[in-house]
Amino acid sequence: MTRLTQCNADRCSAPSAAAAAPARGHPRLWRAAGVLAVVLAATQLQGCFVLGLGAVGTTAYVATDRRTAGSIVEDNTIGLKADNQIASALGPNANVRAVSYNQQVLLVGQVPTEADKQRAAEIVKGIPNVKAVLNEIDVGPVADLNRQATDALITTKVKARLIDANDIFGNAFKVTTSNSVVYLMGIVTQREADRAVQIARDTTGVSKVVTMFNIISEQQLREMQNPQKENAPPPEPRGNNPA
């Protein structure tokens, strides 16, 4: 069952809506390089611990993802198609990212107009095998390097704290940050979902937490973790996906 929620520092509220998509042009390559430099500088000020955890988590993630191999490939394909098609349609003045997890697509970034935001969503909805689109694109100017670097650092900190937690499996979560809002995706139990939201919400710099989870039962999780079934696909989450 897929559930969408929004949480600020005080409480969680009901689900958000869906729709939207990313756009990129060549200028994004330069922005990405600049953001990387700023993030590296920022994290060096924080020390090496956070970066180290992030690197370890990335390595482990490949071998422990709860999606099937086919689903991972499909998500990568959807992301590439979405980025390319939106960049072509909206041009370099749009700064959008498509994050696909279990064929559900999160769209974040900035576009000049509301029409561009809706156009991006329609593009992604037209990509084969996309089950749902959550449109979180902001209408306004493209985020500057400081804003992008801050978001990247928040993502790194949340990932590190999820991995460091001893009561959940941190690599089961996909973390994205845009304008200090943290988006969590994953195939997880309700217990894991609640704990991850708590961890993200308590991370310095996070203004709100939005989730796009596929909720499974504890029994389904045990079956996925059973070594005798390690080559079997994870159970398909029950319930409706967001529109």
C-alpha atoms as a PDB file:
ATOM      1  CA  MET A   1       0.000   0.000   0.000  1.00  0.00           C
ATOM      2  CA  THR A   2       1.452   3.356  -0.998  1.00  0.00           C
ATOM      3  CA  ARG A   3       1.070   6.163   1.509  1.00  0.00           C
ATOM      4  CA  LEU A   4       1.861   9.853   1.186  1.00  0.00           C
ATOM      5  CA  THR A   5       2.343  12.000   4.262  1.00  0.00           C
ATOM      6  CA  GLN A   6       3.793  15.379   5.120  1.00  0.00           C
ATOM      7  CA  CYS A   7       5.454  16.130   8.450  1.00  0.00           C
ATOM      8  CA  ASN A   8       6.875  19.317   9.855  1.00  0.00           C
ATOM      9  CA  ALA A   9       8.828  19.728  13.080  1.00  0.00           C
ATOM     10  CA  ASP A  10       5.678  19.391  15.162  1.00  0.00           C
ATOM     11  CA  ARG A  11       3.370  16.866  13.557  1.00  0.00           C
ATOM     12  CA  CYS A  12       2.371  14.836  10.523  1.00  0.00           C
ATOM     13  CA  SER A  13      -0.567  15.808   8.341  1.00  0.00           C
ATOM     14  CA  ALA A  14      -2.541  14.051   5.651  1.00  0.00           C
ATOM     15  CA  PRO A  15      -1.191  13.074   2.248  1.00  0.00           C
ATOM     16  CA  SER A  16       0.004  15.463  -0.425  1.00  0.00           C
ATOM     17  CA  ALA A  17      -1.019  15.253  -4.084  1.00  0.00           C
ATOM     18  CA  ALA A  18       0.792  14.145  -7.202  1.00  0.00           C
ATOM     19  CA  ALA A  19       2.090  15.275 -10.602  1.00  0.00           C
ATOM     20  CA  ALA A  20       5.179  17.009 -12.098  1.00  0.00           C
ATOM     21  CA  ALA A  21       8.642  16.477 -13.527  1.00  0.00           C
ATOM     22  CA  PRO A  22      12.326  17.462 -14.112  1.00  0.00           C
ATOM     23  CA  ALA A  23      14.065  19.563 -16.714  1.00  0.00           C
ATOM     24  CA  ARG A  24      17.702  20.031 -17.505  1.00  0.00           C
ATOM     25  CA  GLY A  25      19.948  21.676 -20.018  1.00  0.00           C
ATOM     26  CA  HIS A  26      23.678  21.998 -20.418  1.00  0.00           C
ATOM     27  CA  PRO A  27      23.876  24.744 -17.757  1.00  0.00           C
ATOM     28  CA  ARG A  28      22.883  22.080 -15.220  1.00  0.00           C
ATOM     29  CA  LEU A  29      26.209  20.342 -15.768  1.00  0.00           C
ATOM     30  CA  TRP A  30      27.976  23.472 -14.579  1.00  0.00           C
ATOM     31  CA  ARG A  31      25.548  23.886 -11.674  1.00  0.00           C
ATOM     32  CA  ALA A  32      26.083  20.257 -10.658  1.00  0.00           C
ATOM     33  CA  ALA A  33      29.855  20.711 -10.645  1.00  0.00           C
ATOM     34  CA  GLY A  34      29.508  23.838  -8.553  1.00  0.00           C
ATOM     35  CA  VAL A  35      27.159  22.152  -6.094  1.00  0.00           C
ATOM     36  CA  LEU A  36      29.577  19.236  -5.714  1.00  0.00           C
ATOM     37  CA  ALA A  37      32.396  21.605  -4.860  1.00  0.00           C
ATOM     38  CA  VAL A  38      30.285  23.472  -2.310  1.00  0.00           C
ATOM     39  CA  VAL A  39      29.002  20.248  -0.739  1.00  0.00           C
ATOM     40  CA  LEU A  40      32.507  18.876  -0.414  1.00  0.00           C
ATOM     41  CA  ALA A  41      33.618  22.063   1.279  1.00  0.00           C
ATOM     42  CA  ALA A  42      30.599  22.078   3.583  1.00  0.00           C
ATOM     43  CA  THR A  43      31.006  18.467   4.621  1.00  0.00           C
ATOM     44  CA  GLN A  44      34.705  18.962   5.291  1.00  0.00           C
ATOM     45  CA  LEU A  45      33.695  21.604   7.804  1.00  0.00           C
ATOM     46  CA  GLN A  46      31.432  19.021   9.402  1.00  0.00           C
ATOM     47  CA  GLY A  47      34.204  16.380   9.442  1.00  0.00           C
ATOM     48  CA  CYS A  48      34.649  13.159   7.532  1.00  0.00           C
ATOM     49  CA  PHE A  49      32.203  11.009   9.482  1.00  0.00           C
ATOM     50  CA  VAL A  50      29.053  11.861   7.540  1.00  0.00           C
ATOM     51  CA  LEU A  51      30.684  11.386   4.139  1.00  0.00           C
ATOM     52  CA  GLY A  52      32.163   8.089   5.243  1.00  0.00           C
ATOM     53  CA  LEU A  53      28.808   6.718   6.286  1.00  0.00           C
ATOM     54  CA  GLY A  54      27.253   7.883   3.042  1.00  0.00           C
ATOM     55  CA  ALA A  55      29.905   6.062   1.022  1.00  0.00           C
ATOM     56  CA  VAL A  56      29.477   2.833   2.966  1.00  0.00           C
ATOM     57  CA  GLY A  57      25.697   3.055   2.647  1.00  0.00           C
ATOM     58  CA  THR A  58      25.901   3.506  -1.129  1.00  0.00           C
ATOM     59  CA  THR A  59      28.027   0.383  -1.501  1.00  0.00           C
ATOM     60  CA  ALA A  60      25.751  -1.719   0.677  1.00  0.00           C
ATOM     61  CA  TYR A  61      22.619  -0.378  -1.014  1.00  0.00           C
ATOM     62  CA  VAL A  62      23.410  -2.084  -4.328  1.00  0.00           C
ATOM     63  CA  ALA A  63      23.436  -5.499  -2.694  1.00  0.00           C
ATOM     64  CA  THR A  64      20.520  -4.970  -0.291  1.00  0.00           C
ATOM     65  CA  ASP A  65      17.865  -3.087  -2.254  1.00  0.00           C
ATOM     66  CA  ARG A  66      14.388  -4.501  -1.625  1.00  0.00           C
ATOM     67  CA  ARG A  67      13.345  -3.948  -5.221  1.00  0.00           C
ATOM     68  CA  THR A  68      13.841  -6.663  -7.793  1.00  0.00           C
ATOM     69  CA  ALA A  69      16.757  -6.314 -10.206  1.00  0.00           C
ATOM     70  CA  GLY A  70      14.263  -5.671 -12.981  1.00  0.00           C
ATOM     71  CA  SER A  71      12.571  -2.926 -10.977  1.00  0.00           C
ATOM     72  CA  ILE A  72      15.901  -1.208 -10.313  1.00  0.00           C
ATOM     73  CA  VAL A  73      16.715  -1.210 -14.030  1.00  0.00           C
ATOM     74  CA  GLU A  74      13.228   0.080 -14.847  1.00  0.00           C
ATOM     75  CA  ASP A  75      13.572   2.897 -12.310  1.00  0.00           C
ATOM     76  CA  ASN A  76      16.885   3.961 -13.825  1.00  0.00           C
ATOM     77  CA  THR A  77      15.349   3.907 -17.306  1.00  0.00           C
ATOM     78  CA  ILE A  78      12.345   5.960 -16.177  1.00  0.00           C
ATOM     79  CA  GLY A  79      14.583   8.531 -14.515  1.00  0.00           C
ATOM     80  CA  LEU A  80      16.737   8.987 -17.602  1.00  0.00           C
ATOM     81  CA  LYS A  81      13.744   9.259 -19.923  1.00  0.00           C
ATOM     82  CA  ALA A  82      12.017  11.745 -17.638  1.00  0.00           C
ATOM     83  CA  ASP A  83      15.078  13.956 -17.294  1.00  0.00           C
ATOM     84  CA  ASN A  84      15.788  13.980 -21.006  1.00  0.00           C
ATOM     85  CA  GLN A  85      12.215  14.574 -22.125  1.00  0.00           C
ATOM     86  CA  ILE A  86      11.573  17.334 -19.612  1.00  0.00           C
ATOM     87  CA  ALA A  87      14.857  19.070 -20.406  1.00  0.00           C
ATOM     88  CA  SER A  88      13.967  18.999 -24.086  1.00  0.00           C
ATOM     89  CA  ALA A  89      10.442  20.322 -23.453  1.00  0.00           C
ATOM     90  CA  LEU A  90      11.182  23.033 -20.865  1.00  0.00           C
ATOM     91  CA  GLY A  91      14.712  24.120 -21.697  1.00  0.00           C
ATOM     92  CA  PRO A  92      17.602  25.327 -19.501  1.00  0.00           C
ATOM     93  CA  ASN A  93      15.518  27.693 -17.348  1.00  0.00           C
ATOM     94  CA  ALA A  94      13.950  24.710 -15.579  1.00  0.00           C
ATOM     95  CA  ASN A  95      15.795  22.750 -12.902  1.00  0.00           C
ATOM     96  CA  VAL A  96      13.940  19.502 -12.228  1.00  0.00           C
ATOM     97  CA  ARG A  97      14.853  16.033 -11.006  1.00  0.00           C
ATOM     98  CA  ALA A  98      12.878  12.835 -11.478  1.00  0.00           C
ATOM     99  CA  VAL A  99      13.420  10.226  -8.770  1.00  0.00           C
ATOM    100  CA  SER A 100      11.846   6.858  -9.579  1.00  0.00           C
ATOM    101  CA  TYR A 101      11.455   4.152  -6.930  1.00  0.00           C
ATOM    102  CA  ASN A 102       9.419   1.033  -7.631  1.00  0.00           C
ATOM    103  CA  GLN A 103       8.087   2.851 -10.717  1.00  0.00           C
ATOM    104  CA  GLN A 104       6.656   5.688  -8.621  1.00  0.00           C
ATOM    105  CA  VAL A 105       8.169   9.024  -9.631  1.00  0.00           C
ATOM    106  CA  LEU A 106       8.908  11.992  -7.404  1.00  0.00           C
ATOM    107  CA  LEU A 107       9.464  15.319  -9.176  1.00  0.00           C
ATOM    108  CA  VAL A 108      11.359  18.112  -7.421  1.00  0.00           C
ATOM    109  CA  GLY A 109      13.103  21.318  -8.465  1.00  0.00           C
ATOM    110  CA  GLN A 110      12.048  24.650  -9.910  1.00  0.00           C
ATOM    111  CA  VAL A 111      10.299  25.844 -13.080  1.00  0.00           C
ATOM    112  CA  PRO A 112       9.312  29.365 -14.232  1.00  0.00           C
ATOM    113  CA  THR A 113       5.538  28.828 -14.487  1.00  0.00           C
ATOM    114  CA  GLU A 114       2.679  26.688 -13.241  1.00  0.00           C
ATOM    115  CA  ALA A 115       2.134  25.547 -16.829  1.00  0.00           C
ATOM    116  CA  ASP A 116       5.698  24.233 -16.920  1.00  0.00           C
ATOM    117  CA  LYS A 117       5.095  22.345 -13.691  1.00  0.00           C
ATOM    118  CA  GLN A 118       1.993  20.649 -15.080  1.00  0.00           C
ATOM    119  CA  ARG A 119       3.717  19.997 -18.400  1.00  0.00           C
ATOM    120  CA  ALA A 120       6.521  18.170 -16.615  1.00  0.00           C
ATOM    121  CA  ALA A 121       4.029  15.941 -14.824  1.00  0.00           C
ATOM    122  CA  GLU A 122       2.209  15.065 -18.027  1.00  0.00           C
ATOM    123  CA  ILE A 123       5.493  14.112 -19.669  1.00  0.00           C
ATOM    124  CA  VAL A 124       6.334  11.682 -16.868  1.00  0.00           C
ATOM    125  CA  LYS A 125       2.842  10.194 -16.799  1.00  0.00           C
ATOM    126  CA  GLY A 126       3.308   9.326 -20.471  1.00  0.00           C
ATOM    127  CA  ILE A 127       6.466   7.277 -19.864  1.00  0.00           C
ATOM    128  CA  PRO A 128       5.810   3.509 -20.029  1.00  0.00           C
ATOM    129  CA  ASN A 129       5.550   1.614 -16.718  1.00  0.00           C
ATOM    130  CA  VAL A 130       5.197   4.714 -14.518  1.00  0.00           C
ATOM    131  CA  LYS A 131       2.675   3.816 -11.804  1.00  0.00           C
ATOM    132  CA  ALA A 132       2.364   7.184 -10.071  1.00  0.00           C
ATOM    133  CA  VAL A 133       3.718  10.736 -10.083  1.00  0.00           C
ATOM    134  CA  LEU A 134       4.144  12.982  -7.054  1.00  0.00           C
ATOM    135  CA  ASN A 135       4.615  16.540  -8.290  1.00  0.00           C
ATOM    136  CA  GLU A 136       6.600  18.595  -5.770  1.00  0.00           C
ATOM    137  CA  ILE A 137       8.150  21.058  -8.234  1.00  0.00           C
ATOM    138  CA  ASP A 138       8.319  24.670  -7.027  1.00  0.00           C
ATOM    139  CA  VAL A 139       7.286  27.520  -9.318  1.00  0.00           C
ATOM    140  CA  GLY A 140       9.976  30.172  -9.105  1.00  0.00           C
ATOM    141  CA  PRO A 141      13.650  30.901  -9.750  1.00  0.00           C
ATOM    142  CA  VAL A 142      16.205  28.113  -9.887  1.00  0.00           C
ATOM    143  CA  ALA A 143      17.793  27.379  -6.507  1.00  0.00           C
ATOM    144  CA  ASP A 144      21.234  28.918  -6.106  1.00  0.00           C
ATOM    145  CA  LEU A 145      24.381  26.949  -5.274  1.00  0.00           C
ATOM    146  CA  ASN A 146      24.063  27.564  -1.537  1.00  0.00           C
ATOM    147  CA  ARG A 147      20.509  26.226  -1.509  1.00  0.00           C
ATOM    148  CA  GLN A 148      21.471  23.173  -3.558  1.00  0.00           C
ATOM    149  CA  ALA A 149      24.508  22.513  -1.372  1.00  0.00           C
ATOM    150  CA  THR A 150      22.386  22.755   1.782  1.00  0.00           C
ATOM    151  CA  ASP A 151      19.874  20.273   0.358  1.00  0.00           C
ATOM    152  CA  ALA A 152      22.654  17.862  -0.600  1.00  0.00           C
ATOM    153  CA  LEU A 153      24.123  18.071   2.894  1.00  0.00           C
ATOM    154  CA  ILE A 154      20.717  17.429   4.500  1.00  0.00           C
ATOM    155  CA  THR A 155      20.282  14.334   2.322  1.00  0.00           C
ATOM    156  CA  THR A 156      23.711  13.062   3.383  1.00  0.00           C
ATOM    157  CA  LYS A 157      22.944  13.620   7.064  1.00  0.00           C
ATOM    158  CA  VAL A 158      19.553  11.893   6.888  1.00  0.00           C
ATOM    159  CA  LYS A 159      21.038   8.902   5.056  1.00  0.00           C
ATOM    160  CA  ALA A 160      23.819   8.645   7.625  1.00  0.00           C
ATOM    161  CA  ARG A 161      21.362   8.733  10.529  1.00  0.00           C
ATOM    162  CA  LEU A 162      19.124   6.094   8.914  1.00  0.00           C
ATOM    163  CA  ILE A 163      22.105   3.797   8.392  1.00  0.00           C
ATOM    164  CA  ASP A 164      23.340   4.425  11.925  1.00  0.00           C
ATOM    165  CA  ALA A 165      19.959   3.529  13.469  1.00  0.00           C
ATOM    166  CA  ASN A 166      20.040   0.020  14.949  1.00  0.00           C
ATOM    167  CA  ASP A 167      16.296  -0.638  14.831  1.00  0.00           C
ATOM    168  CA  ILE A 168      15.699  -0.219  11.074  1.00  0.00           C
ATOM    169  CA  PHE A 169      17.520  -1.032   7.848  1.00  0.00           C
ATOM    170  CA  GLY A 170      18.673   2.322   6.518  1.00  0.00           C
ATOM    171  CA  ASN A 171      19.401   1.147   2.997  1.00  0.00           C
ATOM    172  CA  ALA A 172      15.721   0.352   2.476  1.00  0.00           C
ATOM    173  CA  PHE A 173      15.055   4.099   2.096  1.00  0.00           C
ATOM    174  CA  LYS A 174      15.551   6.450  -0.830  1.00  0.00           C
ATOM    175  CA  VAL A 175      16.205  10.000   0.427  1.00  0.00           C
ATOM    176  CA  THR A 176      15.782  13.187  -1.624  1.00  0.00           C
ATOM    177  CA  THR A 177      15.870  16.795  -0.395  1.00  0.00           C
ATOM    178  CA  SER A 178      14.560  19.934  -2.100  1.00  0.00           C
ATOM    179  CA  ASN A 179      14.325  23.340  -0.420  1.00  0.00           C
ATOM    180  CA  SER A 180      14.900  21.701   3.001  1.00  0.00           C
ATOM    181  CA  VAL A 181      11.965  19.310   2.490  1.00  0.00           C
ATOM    182  CA  VAL A 182      13.021  15.663   2.835  1.00  0.00           C
ATOM    183  CA  TYR A 183      11.271  13.041   0.693  1.00  0.00           C
ATOM    184  CA  LEU A 184      11.435   9.407   1.789  1.00  0.00           C
ATOM    185  CA  MET A 185      10.653   6.490  -0.525  1.00  0.00           C
ATOM    186  CA  GLY A 186      10.970   2.756   0.011  1.00  0.00           C
ATOM    187  CA  ILE A 187       9.395  -0.671   0.427  1.00  0.00           C
ATOM    188  CA  VAL A 188       9.046  -0.737   4.207  1.00  0.00           C
ATOM    189  CA  THR A 189       6.843  -1.791   7.106  1.00  0.00           C
ATOM    190  CA  GLN A 190       4.761   0.742   8.999  1.00  0.00           C
ATOM    191  CA  ARG A 191       7.187   0.433  11.918  1.00  0.00           C
ATOM    192  CA  GLU A 192      10.132   1.258   9.671  1.00  0.00           C
ATOM    193  CA  ALA A 193       8.234   4.106   8.029  1.00  0.00           C
ATOM    194  CA  ASP A 194       7.352   5.750  11.342  1.00  0.00           C
ATOM    195  CA  ARG A 195      10.904   5.441  12.636  1.00  0.00           C
ATOM    196  CA  ALA A 196      12.422   6.862   9.443  1.00  0.00           C
ATOM    197  CA  VAL A 197      10.079   9.859   9.548  1.00  0.00           C
ATOM    198  CA  GLN A 198      11.104  10.508  13.150  1.00  0.00           C
ATOM    199  CA  ILE A 199      14.798  10.350  12.255  1.00  0.00           C
ATOM    200  CA  ALA A 200      14.418  12.648   9.247  1.00  0.00           C
ATOM    201  CA  ARG A 201      12.200  15.113  11.107  1.00  0.00           C
ATOM    202  CA  ASP A 202      14.757  15.410  13.924  1.00  0.00           C
ATOM    203  CA  THR A 203      17.659  16.077  11.551  1.00  0.00           C
ATOM    204  CA  THR A 204      19.045  19.613  11.658  1.00  0.00           C
ATOM    205  CA  GLY A 205      17.900  21.775   8.749  1.00  0.00           C
ATOM    206  CA  VAL A 206      14.827  19.705   7.784  1.00  0.00           C
ATOM    207  CA  SER A 207      11.651  21.800   7.496  1.00  0.00           C
ATOM    208  CA  LYS A 208       9.217  19.032   6.513  1.00  0.00           C
ATOM    209  CA  VAL A 209       9.135  15.320   5.692  1.00  0.00           C
ATOM    210  CA  VAL A 210       7.055  13.887   2.828  1.00  0.00           C
ATOM    211  CA  THR A 211       6.813  10.131   2.356  1.00  0.00           C
ATOM    212  CA  MET A 212       5.962   8.009  -0.659  1.00  0.00           C
ATOM    213  CA  PHE A 213       6.193   4.504   0.780  1.00  0.00           C
ATOM    214  CA  ASN A 214       5.083   1.069  -0.358  1.00  0.00           C
ATOM    215  CA  ILE A 215       3.906  -0.361   2.983  1.00  0.00           C
ATOM    216  CA  ILE A 216       4.389  -4.107   3.507  1.00  0.00           C
ATOM    217  CA  SER A 217       3.607  -6.291   6.505  1.00  0.00           C
ATOM    218  CA  GLU A 218       6.158  -7.590   8.989  1.00  0.00           C
ATOM    219  CA  GLN A 219       5.463 -11.073   7.616  1.00  0.00           C
ATOM    220  CA  GLN A 220       6.279  -9.940   4.080  1.00  0.00           C
ATOM    221  CA  LEU A 221       9.499  -8.425   5.378  1.00  0.00           C
ATOM    222  CA  ARG A 222      10.477 -11.673   7.077  1.00  0.00           C
ATOM    223  CA  GLU A 223       9.835 -13.563   3.841  1.00  0.00           C
ATOM    224  CA  MET A 224      12.028 -11.117   1.924  1.00  0.00           C
ATOM    225  CA  GLN A 225      14.814 -11.586   4.477  1.00  0.00           C
ATOM    226  CA  ASN A 226      14.598 -15.392   4.463  1.00  0.00           C
ATOM    227  CA  PRO A 227      17.859 -16.692   2.900  1.00  0.00           C
ATOM    228  CA  GLN A 228      15.947 -19.540   1.268  1.00  0.00           C
ATOM    229  CA  LYS A 229      13.950 -16.965  -0.671  1.00  0.00           C
ATOM    230  CA  GLU A 230      16.720 -14.486  -1.374  1.00  0.00           C
ATOM    231  CA  ASN A 231      16.288 -14.838  -5.127  1.00  0.00           C
ATOM    232  CA  ALA A 232      12.543 -14.417  -5.009  1.00  0.00           C
ATOM    233  CA  PRO A 233      11.048 -11.009  -5.901  1.00  0.00           C
ATOM    234  CA  PRO A 234       9.734  -8.881  -3.031  1.00  0.00           C
ATOM    235  CA  PRO A 235       5.979  -9.069  -2.546  1.00  0.00           C
ATOM    236  CA  GLU A 236       3.979  -6.538  -4.510  1.00  0.00           C
ATOM    237  CA  PRO A 237       2.723  -3.836  -2.114  1.00  0.00           C
ATOM    238  CA  ARG A 238      -1.045  -3.881  -1.723  1.00  0.00           C
ATOM    239  CA  GLY A 239      -3.269  -0.868  -2.218  1.00  0.00           C
ATOM    240  CA  ASN A 240      -3.620   2.005  -4.654  1.00  0.00           C
ATOM    241  CA  ASN A 241      -0.738   4.146  -5.782  1.00  0.00           C
ATOM    242  CA  PRO A 242      -1.054   7.936  -5.650  1.00  0.00           C
ATOM    243  CA  ALA A 243      -2.426   9.526  -8.797  1.00  0.00           C
END
